[in-house]
Amino acid sequence: MRAIEAFAFIDENGKIMLESSVGLKNKKVKLLILIEEDEDVKEFYALSSEGLSQSYSTDEPEYDLSLVKEPNPHYEGR
């Protein structure tokens, strides 16, 4: 399966409108929609990430698995 990247927008009627032709006719395609985030959301994620990184020091120790008292049965591990 080959991939073609094309930019599009969704109009007021909910239809997907391509910004340019991709040169395909009468083809069945698989569509993956990636929604661009607005600047407020990007800033929120950056601020959240910064706050989380400040929660841990750079010399935080690695804990051995033997210290786990009750393993999470849903954790798949690495």
PDB file of N, CA and C in Angstrom:
ATOM      1  N   MET A   1       0.853  -1.169   0.000  1.00  0.00           N
ATOM      2  CA  MET A   1       0.000   0.000   0.000  1.00  0.00           C
ATOM      3  C   MET A   1       0.899   1.231   0.000  1.00  0.00           C
ATOM      4  N   ARG A   2       0.724   2.094  -0.965  1.00  0.00           N
ATOM      5  CA  ARG A   2       1.532   3.308  -1.010  1.00  0.00           C
ATOM      6  C   ARG A   2       0.781   4.432  -0.299  1.00  0.00           C
ATOM      7  N   ALA A   3       1.507   5.443   0.104  1.00  0.00           N
ATOM      8  CA  ALA A   3       0.921   6.560   0.846  1.00  0.00           C
ATOM      9  C   ALA A   3       1.076   7.856   0.066  1.00  0.00           C
ATOM     10  N   ILE A   4       0.071   8.686   0.150  1.00  0.00           N
ATOM     11  CA  ILE A   4       0.090  10.020  -0.440  1.00  0.00           C
ATOM     12  C   ILE A   4      -0.317  10.988   0.658  1.00  0.00           C
ATOM     13  N   GLU A   5       0.466  12.010   0.855  1.00  0.00           N
ATOM     14  CA  GLU A   5       0.111  13.030   1.837  1.00  0.00           C
ATOM     15  C   GLU A   5      -0.568  14.182   1.122  1.00  0.00           C
ATOM     16  N   ALA A   6      -1.729  14.554   1.612  1.00  0.00           N
ATOM     17  CA  ALA A   6      -2.472  15.662   1.031  1.00  0.00           C
ATOM     18  C   ALA A   6      -3.121  16.442   2.166  1.00  0.00           C
ATOM     19  N   PHE A   7      -3.140  17.740   2.049  1.00  0.00           N
ATOM     20  CA  PHE A   7      -3.768  18.569   3.063  1.00  0.00           C
ATOM     21  C   PHE A   7      -5.210  18.827   2.684  1.00  0.00           C
ATOM     22  N   ALA A   8      -6.065  18.887   3.685  1.00  0.00           N
ATOM     23  CA  ALA A   8      -7.488  19.067   3.443  1.00  0.00           C
ATOM     24  C   ALA A   8      -8.102  19.847   4.595  1.00  0.00           C
ATOM     25  N   PHE A   9      -9.351  20.227   4.398  1.00  0.00           N
ATOM     26  CA  PHE A   9     -10.116  20.843   5.471  1.00  0.00           C
ATOM     27  C   PHE A   9     -11.531  20.281   5.401  1.00  0.00           C
ATOM     28  N   ILE A  10     -12.235  20.410   6.494  1.00  0.00           N
ATOM     29  CA  ILE A  10     -13.616  19.955   6.543  1.00  0.00           C
ATOM     30  C   ILE A  10     -14.500  21.191   6.458  1.00  0.00           C
ATOM     31  N   ASP A  11     -15.367  21.220   5.452  1.00  0.00           N
ATOM     32  CA  ASP A  11     -16.198  22.400   5.241  1.00  0.00           C
ATOM     33  C   ASP A  11     -17.364  22.449   6.234  1.00  0.00           C
ATOM     34  N   GLU A  12     -18.182  23.488   6.130  1.00  0.00           N
ATOM     35  CA  GLU A  12     -19.282  23.696   7.072  1.00  0.00           C
ATOM     36  C   GLU A  12     -20.350  22.602   6.995  1.00  0.00           C
ATOM     37  N   ASN A  13     -20.348  21.820   5.924  1.00  0.00           N
ATOM     38  CA  ASN A  13     -21.291  20.705   5.775  1.00  0.00           C
ATOM     39  C   ASN A  13     -20.697  19.375   6.222  1.00  0.00           C
ATOM     40  N   GLY A  14     -19.449  19.403   6.714  1.00  0.00           N
ATOM     41  CA  GLY A  14     -18.796  18.187   7.175  1.00  0.00           C
ATOM     42  C   GLY A  14     -18.113  17.382   6.086  1.00  0.00           C
ATOM     43  N   LYS A  15     -18.000  17.939   4.888  1.00  0.00           N
ATOM     44  CA  LYS A  15     -17.332  17.236   3.789  1.00  0.00           C
ATOM     45  C   LYS A  15     -15.835  17.523   3.814  1.00  0.00           C
ATOM     46  N   ILE A  16     -15.050  16.517   3.480  1.00  0.00           N
ATOM     47  CA  ILE A  16     -13.599  16.672   3.406  1.00  0.00           C
ATOM     48  C   ILE A  16     -13.254  17.268   2.049  1.00  0.00           C
ATOM     49  N   MET A  17     -12.548  18.379   2.063  1.00  0.00           N
ATOM     50  CA  MET A  17     -12.159  19.074   0.833  1.00  0.00           C
ATOM     51  C   MET A  17     -10.636  19.077   0.739  1.00  0.00           C
ATOM     52  N   LEU A  18     -10.096  18.455  -0.314  1.00  0.00           N
ATOM     53  CA  LEU A  18      -8.652  18.446  -0.518  1.00  0.00           C
ATOM     54  C   LEU A  18      -8.197  19.810  -1.022  1.00  0.00           C
ATOM     55  N   GLU A  19      -7.036  20.256  -0.544  1.00  0.00           N
ATOM     56  CA  GLU A  19      -6.496  21.539  -1.001  1.00  0.00           C
ATOM     57  C   GLU A  19      -5.934  21.445  -2.407  1.00  0.00           C
ATOM     58  N   SER A  20      -5.509  20.252  -2.821  1.00  0.00           N
ATOM     59  CA  SER A  20      -4.998  20.066  -4.178  1.00  0.00           C
ATOM     60  C   SER A  20      -5.342  18.658  -4.646  1.00  0.00           C
ATOM     61  N   SER A  21      -5.317  18.460  -5.946  1.00  0.00           N
ATOM     62  CA  SER A  21      -5.633  17.164  -6.529  1.00  0.00           C
ATOM     63  C   SER A  21      -4.522  16.160  -6.213  1.00  0.00           C
ATOM     64  N   VAL A  22      -4.908  14.925  -5.955  1.00  0.00           N
ATOM     65  CA  VAL A  22      -3.918  13.876  -5.711  1.00  0.00           C
ATOM     66  C   VAL A  22      -3.798  12.930  -6.896  1.00  0.00           C
ATOM     67  N   GLY A  23      -4.556  13.203  -7.953  1.00  0.00           N
ATOM     68  CA  GLY A  23      -4.429  12.422  -9.180  1.00  0.00           C
ATOM     69  C   GLY A  23      -5.009  11.031  -9.110  1.00  0.00           C
ATOM     70  N   LEU A  24      -5.974  10.793  -8.259  1.00  0.00           N
ATOM     71  CA  LEU A  24      -6.595   9.476  -8.162  1.00  0.00           C
ATOM     72  C   LEU A  24      -8.055   9.556  -8.605  1.00  0.00           C
ATOM     73  N   LYS A  25      -8.480   8.547  -9.355  1.00  0.00           N
ATOM     74  CA  LYS A  25      -9.886   8.455  -9.759  1.00  0.00           C
ATOM     75  C   LYS A  25     -10.318   7.002  -9.636  1.00  0.00           C
ATOM     76  N   ASN A  26     -11.519   6.801  -9.159  1.00  0.00           N
ATOM     77  CA  ASN A  26     -12.109   5.460  -9.037  1.00  0.00           C
ATOM     78  C   ASN A  26     -11.204   4.495  -8.275  1.00  0.00           C
ATOM     79  N   LYS A  27     -10.652   4.957  -7.170  1.00  0.00           N
ATOM     80  CA  LYS A  27      -9.791   4.121  -6.327  1.00  0.00           C
ATOM     81  C   LYS A  27     -10.382   4.045  -4.935  1.00  0.00           C
ATOM     82  N   LYS A  28     -10.287   2.892  -4.335  1.00  0.00           N
ATOM     83  CA  LYS A  28     -10.662   2.740  -2.938  1.00  0.00           C
ATOM     84  C   LYS A  28      -9.442   3.132  -2.115  1.00  0.00           C
ATOM     85  N   VAL A  29      -9.636   4.006  -1.124  1.00  0.00           N
ATOM     86  CA  VAL A  29      -8.516   4.480  -0.323  1.00  0.00           C
ATOM     87  C   VAL A  29      -8.824   4.283   1.161  1.00  0.00           C
ATOM     88  N   LYS A  30      -7.783   4.275   1.954  1.00  0.00           N
ATOM     89  CA  LYS A  30      -7.901   4.239   3.409  1.00  0.00           C
ATOM     90  C   LYS A  30      -7.500   5.621   3.897  1.00  0.00           C
ATOM     91  N   LEU A  31      -8.333   6.229   4.715  1.00  0.00           N
ATOM     92  CA  LEU A  31      -8.126   7.608   5.135  1.00  0.00           C
ATOM     93  C   LEU A  31      -7.744   7.656   6.607  1.00  0.00           C
ATOM     94  N   LEU A  32      -6.660   8.351   6.906  1.00  0.00           N
ATOM     95  CA  LEU A  32      -6.230   8.600   8.278  1.00  0.00           C
ATOM     96  C   LEU A  32      -6.305  10.104   8.486  1.00  0.00           C
ATOM     97  N   ILE A  33      -7.077  10.545   9.456  1.00  0.00           N
ATOM     98  CA  ILE A  33      -7.258  11.976   9.687  1.00  0.00           C
ATOM     99  C   ILE A  33      -6.441  12.399  10.897  1.00  0.00           C
ATOM    100  N   LEU A  34      -5.521  13.327  10.701  1.00  0.00           N
ATOM    101  CA  LEU A  34      -4.732  13.921  11.774  1.00  0.00           C
ATOM    102  C   LEU A  34      -5.207  15.355  11.940  1.00  0.00           C
ATOM    103  N   ILE A  35      -5.713  15.681  13.106  1.00  0.00           N
ATOM    104  CA  ILE A  35      -6.281  17.002  13.335  1.00  0.00           C
ATOM    105  C   ILE A  35      -5.218  17.912  13.945  1.00  0.00           C
ATOM    106  N   GLU A  36      -4.984  19.060  13.315  1.00  0.00           N
ATOM    107  CA  GLU A  36      -4.014  20.015  13.833  1.00  0.00           C
ATOM    108  C   GLU A  36      -4.556  20.625  15.116  1.00  0.00           C
ATOM    109  N   GLU A  37      -3.678  20.744  16.101  1.00  0.00           N
ATOM    110  CA  GLU A  37      -4.071  21.351  17.363  1.00  0.00           C
ATOM    111  C   GLU A  37      -3.861  22.852  17.285  1.00  0.00           C
ATOM    112  N   ASP A  38      -4.733  23.591  17.939  1.00  0.00           N
ATOM    113  CA  ASP A  38      -4.552  25.038  17.938  1.00  0.00           C
ATOM    114  C   ASP A  38      -3.439  25.417  18.921  1.00  0.00           C
ATOM    115  N   GLU A  39      -3.009  26.637  18.870  1.00  0.00           N
ATOM    116  CA  GLU A  39      -1.870  27.098  19.674  1.00  0.00           C
ATOM    117  C   GLU A  39      -2.125  26.985  21.170  1.00  0.00           C
ATOM    118  N   ASP A  40      -3.368  27.213  21.615  1.00  0.00           N
ATOM    119  CA  ASP A  40      -3.671  27.115  23.049  1.00  0.00           C
ATOM    120  C   ASP A  40      -3.424  25.708  23.569  1.00  0.00           C
ATOM    121  N   VAL A  41      -3.825  24.707  22.787  1.00  0.00           N
ATOM    122  CA  VAL A  41      -3.631  23.322  23.201  1.00  0.00           C
ATOM    123  C   VAL A  41      -2.148  22.986  23.233  1.00  0.00           C
ATOM    124  N   LYS A  42      -1.395  23.429  22.229  1.00  0.00           N
ATOM    125  CA  LYS A  42       0.050  23.179  22.199  1.00  0.00           C
ATOM    126  C   LYS A  42       0.734  23.808  23.407  1.00  0.00           C
ATOM    127  N   GLU A  43       0.337  25.038  23.749  1.00  0.00           N
ATOM    128  CA  GLU A  43       0.927  25.712  24.905  1.00  0.00           C
ATOM    129  C   GLU A  43       0.575  24.990  26.198  1.00  0.00           C
ATOM    130  N   PHE A  44      -0.650  24.483  26.305  1.00  0.00           N
ATOM    131  CA  PHE A  44      -1.063  23.745  27.492  1.00  0.00           C
ATOM    132  C   PHE A  44      -0.217  22.489  27.657  1.00  0.00           C
ATOM    133  N   TYR A  45      -0.016  21.730  26.568  1.00  0.00           N
ATOM    134  CA  TYR A  45       0.799  20.523  26.640  1.00  0.00           C
ATOM    135  C   TYR A  45       2.243  20.848  26.996  1.00  0.00           C
ATOM    136  N   ALA A  46       2.778  21.932  26.451  1.00  0.00           N
ATOM    137  CA  ALA A  46       4.153  22.323  26.769  1.00  0.00           C
ATOM    138  C   ALA A  46       4.272  22.677  28.247  1.00  0.00           C
ATOM    139  N   LEU A  47       3.299  23.423  28.765  1.00  0.00           N
ATOM    140  CA  LEU A  47       3.313  23.796  30.175  1.00  0.00           C
ATOM    141  C   LEU A  47       3.169  22.567  31.065  1.00  0.00           C
ATOM    142  N   SER A  48       2.295  21.653  30.709  1.00  0.00           N
ATOM    143  CA  SER A  48       2.108  20.421  31.471  1.00  0.00           C
ATOM    144  C   SER A  48       3.383  19.589  31.483  1.00  0.00           C
ATOM    145  N   SER A  49       4.018  19.484  30.330  1.00  0.00           N
ATOM    146  CA  SER A  49       5.251  18.717  30.222  1.00  0.00           C
ATOM    147  C   SER A  49       6.359  19.337  31.062  1.00  0.00           C
ATOM    148  N   GLU A  50       6.437  20.657  31.017  1.00  0.00           N
ATOM    149  CA  GLU A  50       7.452  21.364  31.810  1.00  0.00           C
ATOM    150  C   GLU A  50       7.223  21.131  33.298  1.00  0.00           C
ATOM    151  N   GLY A  51       5.976  21.214  33.746  1.00  0.00           N
ATOM    152  CA  GLY A  51       5.662  20.981  35.152  1.00  0.00           C
ATOM    153  C   GLY A  51       5.989  19.564  35.575  1.00  0.00           C
ATOM    154  N   LEU A  52       5.698  18.609  34.713  1.00  0.00           N
ATOM    155  CA  LEU A  52       5.992  17.211  35.026  1.00  0.00           C
ATOM    156  C   LEU A  52       7.493  16.971  35.103  1.00  0.00           C
ATOM    157  N   SER A  53       8.246  17.568  34.197  1.00  0.00           N
ATOM    158  CA  SER A  53       9.700  17.360  34.212  1.00  0.00           C
ATOM    159  C   SER A  53      10.341  17.986  35.449  1.00  0.00           C
ATOM    160  N   GLN A  54       9.728  19.024  35.999  1.00  0.00           N
ATOM    161  CA  GLN A  54      10.246  19.642  37.223  1.00  0.00           C
ATOM    162  C   GLN A  54       9.918  18.817  38.461  1.00  0.00           C
ATOM    163  N   SER A  55       9.019  17.847  38.310  1.00  0.00           N
ATOM    164  CA  SER A  55       8.638  16.999  39.437  1.00  0.00           C
ATOM    165  C   SER A  55       9.708  15.965  39.770  1.00  0.00           C
ATOM    166  N   TYR A  56      10.586  15.713  38.844  1.00  0.00           N
ATOM    167  CA  TYR A  56      11.637  14.713  39.032  1.00  0.00           C
ATOM    168  C   TYR A  56      12.999  15.373  38.892  1.00  0.00           C
ATOM    169  N   SER A  57      13.912  14.946  39.737  1.00  0.00           N
ATOM    170  CA  SER A  57      15.262  15.497  39.636  1.00  0.00           C
ATOM    171  C   SER A  57      16.061  14.700  38.611  1.00  0.00           C
ATOM    172  N   THR A  58      17.152  15.281  38.157  1.00  0.00           N
ATOM    173  CA  THR A  58      17.967  14.599  37.152  1.00  0.00           C
ATOM    174  C   THR A  58      18.709  13.404  37.751  1.00  0.00           C
ATOM    175  N   ASP A  59      18.859  13.383  39.076  1.00  0.00           N
ATOM    176  CA  ASP A  59      19.543  12.255  39.713  1.00  0.00           C
ATOM    177  C   ASP A  59      18.559  11.309  40.410  1.00  0.00           C
ATOM    178  N   GLU A  60      17.337  11.252  39.887  1.00  0.00           N
ATOM    179  CA  GLU A  60      16.313  10.349  40.421  1.00  0.00           C
ATOM    180  C   GLU A  60      16.804   8.908  40.259  1.00  0.00           C
ATOM    181  N   PRO A  61      16.758   8.107  41.336  1.00  0.00           N
ATOM    182  CA  PRO A  61      17.276   6.736  41.222  1.00  0.00           C
ATOM    183  C   PRO A  61      16.337   5.846  40.415  1.00  0.00           C
ATOM    184  N   GLU A  62      16.915   4.825  39.789  1.00  0.00           N
ATOM    185  CA  GLU A  62      16.120   3.802  39.115  1.00  0.00           C
ATOM    186  C   GLU A  62      15.761   2.761  40.170  1.00  0.00           C
ATOM    187  N   TYR A  63      14.504   2.453  40.268  1.00  0.00           N
ATOM    188  CA  TYR A  63      14.066   1.495  41.278  1.00  0.00           C
ATOM    189  C   TYR A  63      14.023   0.102  40.686  1.00  0.00           C
ATOM    190  N   ASP A  64      14.501  -0.879  41.457  1.00  0.00           N
ATOM    191  CA  ASP A  64      14.542  -2.266  41.032  1.00  0.00           C
ATOM    192  C   ASP A  64      13.139  -2.864  41.117  1.00  0.00           C
ATOM    193  N   LEU A  65      12.812  -3.772  40.211  1.00  0.00           N
ATOM    194  CA  LEU A  65      11.498  -4.406  40.215  1.00  0.00           C
ATOM    195  C   LEU A  65      11.234  -5.194  41.493  1.00  0.00           C
ATOM    196  N   SER A  66      12.269  -5.611  42.180  1.00  0.00           N
ATOM    197  CA  SER A  66      12.076  -6.358  43.422  1.00  0.00           C
ATOM    198  C   SER A  66      11.454  -5.494  44.518  1.00  0.00           C
ATOM    199  N   LEU A  67      11.472  -4.171  44.341  1.00  0.00           N
ATOM    200  CA  LEU A  67      10.880  -3.272  45.328  1.00  0.00           C
ATOM    201  C   LEU A  67       9.368  -3.114  45.150  1.00  0.00           C
ATOM    202  N   VAL A  68       8.828  -3.632  44.057  1.00  0.00           N
ATOM    203  CA  VAL A  68       7.393  -3.530  43.802  1.00  0.00           C
ATOM    204  C   VAL A  68       6.669  -4.509  44.715  1.00  0.00           C
ATOM    205  N   LYS A  69       5.745  -3.973  45.531  1.00  0.00           N
ATOM    206  CA  LYS A  69       5.015  -4.813  46.486  1.00  0.00           C
ATOM    207  C   LYS A  69       3.816  -5.500  45.848  1.00  0.00           C
ATOM    208  N   GLU A  70       3.122  -4.790  44.979  1.00  0.00           N
ATOM    209  CA  GLU A  70       1.943  -5.351  44.324  1.00  0.00           C
ATOM    210  C   GLU A  70       1.982  -4.980  42.845  1.00  0.00           C
ATOM    211  N   PRO A  71       2.369  -5.911  41.976  1.00  0.00           N
ATOM    212  CA  PRO A  71       2.462  -5.599  40.555  1.00  0.00           C
ATOM    213  C   PRO A  71       1.088  -5.319  39.948  1.00  0.00           C
ATOM    214  N   ASN A  72       1.077  -4.453  38.966  1.00  0.00           N
ATOM    215  CA  ASN A  72      -0.136  -4.157  38.221  1.00  0.00           C
ATOM    216  C   ASN A  72      -0.316  -5.263  37.177  1.00  0.00           C
ATOM    217  N   PRO A  73      -1.412  -6.036  37.260  1.00  0.00           N
ATOM    218  CA  PRO A  73      -1.589  -7.157  36.324  1.00  0.00           C
ATOM    219  C   PRO A  73      -1.843  -6.694  34.885  1.00  0.00           C
ATOM    220  N   HIS A  74      -2.206  -5.432  34.686  1.00  0.00           N
ATOM    221  CA  HIS A  74      -2.490  -4.931  33.350  1.00  0.00           C
ATOM    222  C   HIS A  74      -1.275  -4.291  32.677  1.00  0.00           C
ATOM    223  N   TYR A  75      -0.175  -4.127  33.423  1.00  0.00           N
ATOM    224  CA  TYR A  75       1.040  -3.524  32.871  1.00  0.00           C
ATOM    225  C   TYR A  75       1.794  -4.565  32.072  1.00  0.00           C
ATOM    226  N   GLU A  76       2.097  -4.259  30.825  1.00  0.00           N
ATOM    227  CA  GLU A  76       2.755  -5.222  29.948  1.00  0.00           C
ATOM    228  C   GLU A  76       4.271  -5.220  30.070  1.00  0.00           C
ATOM    229  N   GLY A  77       4.840  -4.228  30.718  1.00  0.00           N
ATOM    230  CA  GLY A  77       6.291  -4.154  30.834  1.00  0.00           C
ATOM    231  C   GLY A  77       6.936  -3.553  29.618  1.00  0.00           C
ATOM    232  N   ARG A  78       8.240  -3.632  29.569  1.00  0.00           N
ATOM    233  CA  ARG A  78       8.978  -3.030  28.453  1.00  0.00           C
ATOM    234  C   ARG A  78       9.490  -4.079  27.534  1.00  0.00           C
TER     235      ARG A  78
END
